[in-house]
Every structure is written in structure tokens, then in C-alpha cells.
Amino acid sequence: MESRGLQQELEYQFSHVVSRQQFFQSDWDIASFAVFFIFIGMVLLLVILVLIRCCCCCCCEDEMPRRRKVGIENMALEP
């Protein structure tokens, strides 16, 4: 009988703690949470762009024409 009362007391305390807990208690908490997720999103976006660039360059490297110099050579820089 005592274990039943203890179990009910623990359940009551747990539900009381969970119901009172607020994740965002101030505006600063919300702002820091938003900045953190924006940072993580930007990092993931950059990683995805790098992977796309690497995949495109590796697959299409043979098909791209080689770049050649355009313009005139500056003879004044010659020793």
C-alpha cells in the first residue's frame, strides 16, 4: 500500500515539474535559439553547395574546355 502511495506521489511530482517547465523564459532565449538554428542552417547549406560543386566538377571535368590566356603580354615585366 505504501509503494502505491509513493508511486502516485512520484507521478504527481513529475507531472507538476513537466507542466511548469517553460523552455523559453525570456526574449533572449528565443533570440539565441533562432540565431543558433540560423547558423546551423547556413553551415548545412554551405556543405550542400560544396558537395554539389564537387560532384559537378568531378563528373563534368573532361567536357569543360581548357581556359587559355586572353589579352596581351606585358613585355615591360621581362628582365
PDB file of N, CA and C in Angstrom:
ATOM      1  N   MET A   1       0.819  -1.184   0.000  1.00  0.00           N
ATOM      2  CA  MET A   1       0.000   0.000   0.000  1.00  0.00           C
ATOM      3  C   MET A   1       0.867   1.253   0.000  1.00  0.00           C
ATOM      4  N   GLU A   2       1.967   1.172   0.732  1.00  0.00           N
ATOM      5  CA  GLU A   2       2.858   2.329   0.798  1.00  0.00           C
ATOM      6  C   GLU A   2       3.545   2.573  -0.543  1.00  0.00           C
ATOM      7  N   SER A   3       3.880   1.518  -1.274  1.00  0.00           N
ATOM      8  CA  SER A   3       4.518   1.685  -2.579  1.00  0.00           C
ATOM      9  C   SER A   3       3.548   2.327  -3.565  1.00  0.00           C
ATOM     10  N   ARG A   4       2.258   2.028  -3.432  1.00  0.00           N
ATOM     11  CA  ARG A   4       1.241   2.635  -4.294  1.00  0.00           C
ATOM     12  C   ARG A   4       1.160   4.140  -4.040  1.00  0.00           C
ATOM     13  N   GLY A   5       1.215   4.542  -2.780  1.00  0.00           N
ATOM     14  CA  GLY A   5       1.188   5.955  -2.428  1.00  0.00           C
ATOM     15  C   GLY A   5       2.442   6.660  -2.908  1.00  0.00           C
ATOM     16  N   LEU A   6       3.600   5.995  -2.804  1.00  0.00           N
ATOM     17  CA  LEU A   6       4.864   6.556  -3.270  1.00  0.00           C
ATOM     18  C   LEU A   6       4.847   6.729  -4.787  1.00  0.00           C
ATOM     19  N   GLN A   7       4.297   5.750  -5.474  1.00  0.00           N
ATOM     20  CA  GLN A   7       4.219   5.831  -6.934  1.00  0.00           C
ATOM     21  C   GLN A   7       3.315   6.986  -7.361  1.00  0.00           C
ATOM     22  N   GLN A   8       2.188   7.136  -6.710  1.00  0.00           N
ATOM     23  CA  GLN A   8       1.292   8.242  -7.035  1.00  0.00           C
ATOM     24  C   GLN A   8       1.941   9.589  -6.737  1.00  0.00           C
ATOM     25  N   GLU A   9       2.681   9.667  -5.642  1.00  0.00           N
ATOM     26  CA  GLU A   9       3.361  10.909  -5.287  1.00  0.00           C
ATOM     27  C   GLU A   9       4.427  11.255  -6.326  1.00  0.00           C
ATOM     28  N   LEU A  10       5.192  10.260  -6.774  1.00  0.00           N
ATOM     29  CA  LEU A  10       6.205  10.499  -7.803  1.00  0.00           C
ATOM     30  C   LEU A  10       5.556  10.928  -9.119  1.00  0.00           C
ATOM     31  N   GLU A  11       4.465  10.284  -9.500  1.00  0.00           N
ATOM     32  CA  GLU A  11       3.763  10.671 -10.719  1.00  0.00           C
ATOM     33  C   GLU A  11       3.246  12.102 -10.634  1.00  0.00           C
ATOM     34  N   TYR A  12       2.716  12.471  -9.477  1.00  0.00           N
ATOM     35  CA  TYR A  12       2.215  13.831  -9.287  1.00  0.00           C
ATOM     36  C   TYR A  12       3.359  14.842  -9.390  1.00  0.00           C
ATOM     37  N   GLN A  13       4.478  14.560  -8.736  1.00  0.00           N
ATOM     38  CA  GLN A  13       5.616  15.479  -8.780  1.00  0.00           C
ATOM     39  C   GLN A  13       6.170  15.606 -10.191  1.00  0.00           C
ATOM     40  N   PHE A  14       6.259  14.477 -10.896  1.00  0.00           N
ATOM     41  CA  PHE A  14       6.769  14.505 -12.263  1.00  0.00           C
ATOM     42  C   PHE A  14       5.857  15.330 -13.169  1.00  0.00           C
ATOM     43  N   SER A  15       4.559  15.118 -13.098  1.00  0.00           N
ATOM     44  CA  SER A  15       3.631  15.871 -13.946  1.00  0.00           C
ATOM     45  C   SER A  15       3.639  17.349 -13.561  1.00  0.00           C
ATOM     46  N   HIS A  16       3.809  17.641 -12.282  1.00  0.00           N
ATOM     47  CA  HIS A  16       3.867  19.034 -11.830  1.00  0.00           C
ATOM     48  C   HIS A  16       5.107  19.738 -12.387  1.00  0.00           C
ATOM     49  N   VAL A  17       6.256  19.050 -12.364  1.00  0.00           N
ATOM     50  CA  VAL A  17       7.504  19.631 -12.878  1.00  0.00           C
ATOM     51  C   VAL A  17       7.422  19.817 -14.383  1.00  0.00           C
ATOM     52  N   VAL A  18       6.906  18.819 -15.093  1.00  0.00           N
ATOM     53  CA  VAL A  18       6.829  18.894 -16.550  1.00  0.00           C
ATOM     54  C   VAL A  18       5.852  19.982 -16.987  1.00  0.00           C
ATOM     55  N   SER A  19       4.760  20.125 -16.294  1.00  0.00           N
ATOM     56  CA  SER A  19       3.771  21.124 -16.707  1.00  0.00           C
ATOM     57  C   SER A  19       4.243  22.542 -16.427  1.00  0.00           C
ATOM     58  N   ARG A  20       5.102  22.746 -15.453  1.00  0.00           N
ATOM     59  CA  ARG A  20       5.566  24.093 -15.111  1.00  0.00           C
ATOM     60  C   ARG A  20       6.789  24.517 -15.910  1.00  0.00           C
ATOM     61  N   GLN A  21       7.454  23.580 -16.546  1.00  0.00           N
ATOM     62  CA  GLN A  21       8.707  23.900 -17.238  1.00  0.00           C
ATOM     63  C   GLN A  21       8.409  24.696 -18.510  1.00  0.00           C
ATOM     64  N   GLN A  22       9.066  25.828 -18.645  1.00  0.00           N
ATOM     65  CA  GLN A  22       8.965  26.644 -19.848  1.00  0.00           C
ATOM     66  C   GLN A  22      10.334  26.659 -20.508  1.00  0.00           C
ATOM     67  N   PHE A  23      10.374  26.286 -21.775  1.00  0.00           N
ATOM     68  CA  PHE A  23      11.651  26.216 -22.467  1.00  0.00           C
ATOM     69  C   PHE A  23      12.212  27.607 -22.749  1.00  0.00           C
ATOM     70  N   PHE A  24      11.337  28.533 -23.130  1.00  0.00           N
ATOM     71  CA  PHE A  24      11.777  29.880 -23.446  1.00  0.00           C
ATOM     72  C   PHE A  24      11.236  30.827 -22.383  1.00  0.00           C
ATOM     73  N   GLN A  25      12.105  31.225 -21.475  1.00  0.00           N
ATOM     74  CA  GLN A  25      11.648  32.042 -20.358  1.00  0.00           C
ATOM     75  C   GLN A  25      11.795  33.529 -20.632  1.00  0.00           C
ATOM     76  N   SER A  26      12.573  33.912 -21.629  1.00  0.00           N
ATOM     77  CA  SER A  26      12.735  35.328 -21.925  1.00  0.00           C
ATOM     78  C   SER A  26      12.926  35.506 -23.435  1.00  0.00           C
ATOM     79  N   ASP A  27      12.931  36.764 -23.844  1.00  0.00           N
ATOM     80  CA  ASP A  27      13.147  37.059 -25.263  1.00  0.00           C
ATOM     81  C   ASP A  27      14.556  36.694 -25.704  1.00  0.00           C
ATOM     82  N   TRP A  28      15.510  36.781 -24.779  1.00  0.00           N
ATOM     83  CA  TRP A  28      16.893  36.426 -25.114  1.00  0.00           C
ATOM     84  C   TRP A  28      17.020  34.937 -25.423  1.00  0.00           C
ATOM     85  N   ASP A  29      16.262  34.103 -24.740  1.00  0.00           N
ATOM     86  CA  ASP A  29      16.289  32.670 -25.032  1.00  0.00           C
ATOM     87  C   ASP A  29      15.792  32.398 -26.446  1.00  0.00           C
ATOM     88  N   ILE A  30      14.714  33.062 -26.824  1.00  0.00           N
ATOM     89  CA  ILE A  30      14.148  32.876 -28.162  1.00  0.00           C
ATOM     90  C   ILE A  30      15.129  33.381 -29.217  1.00  0.00           C
ATOM     91  N   ALA A  31      15.742  34.528 -28.968  1.00  0.00           N
ATOM     92  CA  ALA A  31      16.687  35.098 -29.939  1.00  0.00           C
ATOM     93  C   ALA A  31      17.916  34.210 -30.094  1.00  0.00           C
ATOM     94  N   SER A  32      18.453  33.714 -28.994  1.00  0.00           N
ATOM     95  CA  SER A  32      19.636  32.856 -29.093  1.00  0.00           C
ATOM     96  C   SER A  32      19.303  31.544 -29.786  1.00  0.00           C
ATOM     97  N   PHE A  33      18.122  31.017 -29.542  1.00  0.00           N
ATOM     98  CA  PHE A  33      17.683  29.795 -30.210  1.00  0.00           C
ATOM     99  C   PHE A  33      17.577  30.020 -31.712  1.00  0.00           C
ATOM    100  N   ALA A  34      17.004  31.165 -32.113  1.00  0.00           N
ATOM    101  CA  ALA A  34      16.869  31.476 -33.534  1.00  0.00           C
ATOM    102  C   ALA A  34      18.229  31.664 -34.185  1.00  0.00           C
ATOM    103  N   VAL A  35      19.140  32.380 -33.525  1.00  0.00           N
ATOM    104  CA  VAL A  35      20.481  32.597 -34.083  1.00  0.00           C
ATOM    105  C   VAL A  35      21.218  31.275 -34.225  1.00  0.00           C
ATOM    106  N   PHE A  36      21.084  30.398 -33.242  1.00  0.00           N
ATOM    107  CA  PHE A  36      21.740  29.090 -33.301  1.00  0.00           C
ATOM    108  C   PHE A  36      21.241  28.288 -34.504  1.00  0.00           C
ATOM    109  N   PHE A  37      19.925  28.246 -34.712  1.00  0.00           N
ATOM    110  CA  PHE A  37      19.408  27.460 -35.828  1.00  0.00           C
ATOM    111  C   PHE A  37      19.691  28.112 -37.176  1.00  0.00           C
ATOM    112  N   ILE A  38      19.761  29.426 -37.228  1.00  0.00           N
ATOM    113  CA  ILE A  38      20.162  30.082 -38.475  1.00  0.00           C
ATOM    114  C   ILE A  38      21.606  29.737 -38.802  1.00  0.00           C
ATOM    115  N   PHE A  39      22.479  29.733 -37.791  1.00  0.00           N
ATOM    116  CA  PHE A  39      23.880  29.365 -38.001  1.00  0.00           C
ATOM    117  C   PHE A  39      24.001  27.928 -38.493  1.00  0.00           C
ATOM    118  N   ILE A  40      23.303  27.007 -37.840  1.00  0.00           N
ATOM    119  CA  ILE A  40      23.348  25.599 -38.252  1.00  0.00           C
ATOM    120  C   ILE A  40      22.810  25.446 -39.676  1.00  0.00           C
ATOM    121  N   GLY A  41      21.745  26.174 -40.005  1.00  0.00           N
ATOM    122  CA  GLY A  41      21.183  26.109 -41.355  1.00  0.00           C
ATOM    123  C   GLY A  41      22.150  26.615 -42.405  1.00  0.00           C
ATOM    124  N   MET A  42      22.856  27.697 -42.101  1.00  0.00           N
ATOM    125  CA  MET A  42      23.828  28.235 -43.062  1.00  0.00           C
ATOM    126  C   MET A  42      24.989  27.273 -43.264  1.00  0.00           C
ATOM    127  N   VAL A  43      25.458  26.658 -42.186  1.00  0.00           N
ATOM    128  CA  VAL A  43      26.550  25.690 -42.305  1.00  0.00           C
ATOM    129  C   VAL A  43      26.115  24.516 -43.163  1.00  0.00           C
ATOM    130  N   LEU A  44      24.915  24.007 -42.937  1.00  0.00           N
ATOM    131  CA  LEU A  44      24.414  22.897 -43.750  1.00  0.00           C
ATOM    132  C   LEU A  44      24.228  23.303 -45.211  1.00  0.00           C
ATOM    133  N   LEU A  45      23.758  24.511 -45.442  1.00  0.00           N
ATOM    134  CA  LEU A  45      23.610  24.999 -46.817  1.00  0.00           C
ATOM    135  C   LEU A  45      24.954  25.072 -47.521  1.00  0.00           C
ATOM    136  N   LEU A  46      25.968  25.592 -46.840  1.00  0.00           N
ATOM    137  CA  LEU A  46      27.298  25.674 -47.445  1.00  0.00           C
ATOM    138  C   LEU A  46      27.879  24.293 -47.727  1.00  0.00           C
ATOM    139  N   VAL A  47      27.665  23.354 -46.820  1.00  0.00           N
ATOM    140  CA  VAL A  47      28.152  21.984 -47.043  1.00  0.00           C
ATOM    141  C   VAL A  47      27.466  21.369 -48.257  1.00  0.00           C
ATOM    142  N   ILE A  48      26.168  21.587 -48.382  1.00  0.00           N
ATOM    143  CA  ILE A  48      25.437  21.055 -49.533  1.00  0.00           C
ATOM    144  C   ILE A  48      25.938  21.692 -50.831  1.00  0.00           C
ATOM    145  N   LEU A  49      26.181  23.002 -50.821  1.00  0.00           N
ATOM    146  CA  LEU A  49      26.697  23.666 -52.021  1.00  0.00           C
ATOM    147  C   LEU A  49      28.081  23.157 -52.398  1.00  0.00           C
ATOM    148  N   VAL A  50      28.930  22.913 -51.414  1.00  0.00           N
ATOM    149  CA  VAL A  50      30.261  22.371 -51.692  1.00  0.00           C
ATOM    150  C   VAL A  50      30.149  20.980 -52.287  1.00  0.00           C
ATOM    151  N   LEU A  51      29.270  20.155 -51.743  1.00  0.00           N
ATOM    152  CA  LEU A  51      29.093  18.804 -52.286  1.00  0.00           C
ATOM    153  C   LEU A  51      28.561  18.846 -53.711  1.00  0.00           C
ATOM    154  N   ILE A  52      27.626  19.741 -53.985  1.00  0.00           N
ATOM    155  CA  ILE A  52      27.100  19.872 -55.350  1.00  0.00           C
ATOM    156  C   ILE A  52      28.204  20.320 -56.301  1.00  0.00           C
ATOM    157  N   ARG A  53      29.013  21.296 -55.860  1.00  0.00           N
ATOM    158  CA  ARG A  53      30.112  21.797 -56.702  1.00  0.00           C
ATOM    159  C   ARG A  53      31.126  20.693 -56.986  1.00  0.00           C
ATOM    160  N   CYS A  54      31.478  19.931 -55.946  1.00  0.00           N
ATOM    161  CA  CYS A  54      32.454  18.849 -56.140  1.00  0.00           C
ATOM    162  C   CYS A  54      31.907  17.771 -57.067  1.00  0.00           C
ATOM    163  N   CYS A  55      30.647  17.428 -56.911  1.00  0.00           N
ATOM    164  CA  CYS A  55      30.059  16.393 -57.767  1.00  0.00           C
ATOM    165  C   CYS A  55      29.983  16.863 -59.215  1.00  0.00           C
ATOM    166  N   CYS A  56      29.613  18.114 -59.422  1.00  0.00           N
ATOM    167  CA  CYS A  56      29.516  18.624 -60.791  1.00  0.00           C
ATOM    168  C   CYS A  56      30.890  18.738 -61.439  1.00  0.00           C
ATOM    169  N   CYS A  57      31.885  19.166 -60.688  1.00  0.00           N
ATOM    170  CA  CYS A  57      33.228  19.305 -61.254  1.00  0.00           C
ATOM    171  C   CYS A  57      33.852  17.949 -61.555  1.00  0.00           C
ATOM    172  N   CYS A  58      33.607  16.977 -60.730  1.00  0.00           N
ATOM    173  CA  CYS A  58      34.185  15.650 -60.956  1.00  0.00           C
ATOM    174  C   CYS A  58      33.541  14.963 -62.153  1.00  0.00           C
ATOM    175  N   CYS A  59      32.236  15.140 -62.317  1.00  0.00           N
ATOM    176  CA  CYS A  59      31.534  14.473 -63.413  1.00  0.00           C
ATOM    177  C   CYS A  59      31.786  15.162 -64.749  1.00  0.00           C
ATOM    178  N   CYS A  60      31.863  16.465 -64.755  1.00  0.00           N
ATOM    179  CA  CYS A  60      31.920  17.232 -65.996  1.00  0.00           C
ATOM    180  C   CYS A  60      33.318  17.781 -66.291  1.00  0.00           C
ATOM    181  N   GLU A  61      34.336  17.300 -65.610  1.00  0.00           N
ATOM    182  CA  GLU A  61      35.679  17.868 -65.757  1.00  0.00           C
ATOM    183  C   GLU A  61      36.229  17.652 -67.164  1.00  0.00           C
ATOM    184  N   ASP A  62      35.964  16.498 -67.740  1.00  0.00           N
ATOM    185  CA  ASP A  62      36.507  16.200 -69.066  1.00  0.00           C
ATOM    186  C   ASP A  62      35.808  17.003 -70.160  1.00  0.00           C
ATOM    187  N   GLU A  63      34.569  17.338 -69.967  1.00  0.00           N
ATOM    188  CA  GLU A  63      33.810  18.020 -71.002  1.00  0.00           C
ATOM    189  C   GLU A  63      34.078  19.521 -71.048  1.00  0.00           C
ATOM    190  N   MET A  64      34.579  20.103 -69.966  1.00  0.00           N
ATOM    191  CA  MET A  64      34.801  21.551 -69.931  1.00  0.00           C
ATOM    192  C   MET A  64      36.057  21.907 -70.731  1.00  0.00           C
ATOM    193  N   PRO A  65      35.980  22.928 -71.570  1.00  0.00           N
ATOM    194  CA  PRO A  65      37.172  23.321 -72.334  1.00  0.00           C
ATOM    195  C   PRO A  65      38.208  23.967 -71.424  1.00  0.00           C
ATOM    196  N   ARG A  66      39.458  23.791 -71.786  1.00  0.00           N
ATOM    197  CA  ARG A  66      40.555  24.398 -71.013  1.00  0.00           C
ATOM    198  C   ARG A  66      40.571  25.901 -71.250  1.00  0.00           C
ATOM    199  N   ARG A  67      40.874  26.637 -70.216  1.00  0.00           N
ATOM    200  CA  ARG A  67      40.956  28.090 -70.352  1.00  0.00           C
ATOM    201  C   ARG A  67      42.327  28.460 -70.906  1.00  0.00           C
ATOM    202  N   ARG A  68      42.338  29.447 -71.756  1.00  0.00           N
ATOM    203  CA  ARG A  68      43.609  29.925 -72.283  1.00  0.00           C
ATOM    204  C   ARG A  68      43.723  31.409 -71.993  1.00  0.00           C
ATOM    205  N   LYS A  69      44.913  31.903 -72.013  1.00  0.00           N
ATOM    206  CA  LYS A  69      45.156  33.303 -71.700  1.00  0.00           C
ATOM    207  C   LYS A  69      44.550  34.195 -72.769  1.00  0.00           C
ATOM    208  N   VAL A  70      43.957  35.282 -72.292  1.00  0.00           N
ATOM    209  CA  VAL A  70      43.350  36.260 -73.188  1.00  0.00           C
ATOM    210  C   VAL A  70      44.000  37.603 -72.903  1.00  0.00           C
ATOM    211  N   GLY A  71      44.360  38.335 -73.922  1.00  0.00           N
ATOM    212  CA  GLY A  71      44.950  39.643 -73.734  1.00  0.00           C
ATOM    213  C   GLY A  71      46.369  39.689 -74.274  1.00  0.00           C
ATOM    214  N   ILE A  72      47.081  40.751 -73.953  1.00  0.00           N
ATOM    215  CA  ILE A  72      48.439  40.919 -74.438  1.00  0.00           C
ATOM    216  C   ILE A  72      49.411  40.718 -73.299  1.00  0.00           C
ATOM    217  N   GLU A  73      50.602  40.314 -73.650  1.00  0.00           N
ATOM    218  CA  GLU A  73      51.647  40.090 -72.654  1.00  0.00           C
ATOM    219  C   GLU A  73      52.413  41.382 -72.418  1.00  0.00           C
ATOM    220  N   ASN A  74      52.623  41.685 -71.158  1.00  0.00           N
ATOM    221  CA  ASN A  74      53.323  42.926 -70.792  1.00  0.00           C
ATOM    222  C   ASN A  74      54.833  42.662 -70.855  1.00  0.00           C
ATOM    223  N   MET A  75      55.490  43.189 -71.886  1.00  0.00           N
ATOM    224  CA  MET A  75      56.919  42.964 -72.097  1.00  0.00           C
ATOM    225  C   MET A  75      57.767  43.787 -71.104  1.00  0.00           C
ATOM    226  N   ALA A  76      57.182  44.787 -70.455  1.00  0.00           N
ATOM    227  CA  ALA A  76      57.941  45.616 -69.505  1.00  0.00           C
ATOM    228  C   ALA A  76      58.284  44.828 -68.248  1.00  0.00           C
ATOM    229  N   LEU A  77      57.584  43.751 -67.989  1.00  0.00           N
ATOM    230  CA  LEU A  77      57.873  42.955 -66.794  1.00  0.00           C
ATOM    231  C   LEU A  77      59.007  41.955 -67.020  1.00  0.00           C
ATOM    232  N   GLU A  78      59.437  41.798 -68.252  1.00  0.00           N
ATOM    233  CA  GLU A  78      60.535  40.872 -68.564  1.00  0.00           C
ATOM    234  C   GLU A  78      61.856  41.460 -68.066  1.00  0.00           C
ATOM    235  N   PRO A  79      62.758  40.670 -67.533  1.00  0.00           N
ATOM    236  CA  PRO A  79      64.070  41.197 -67.065  1.00  0.00           C
ATOM    237  C   PRO A  79      64.991  41.559 -68.199  1.00  0.00           C
TER     238      PRO A  79
END
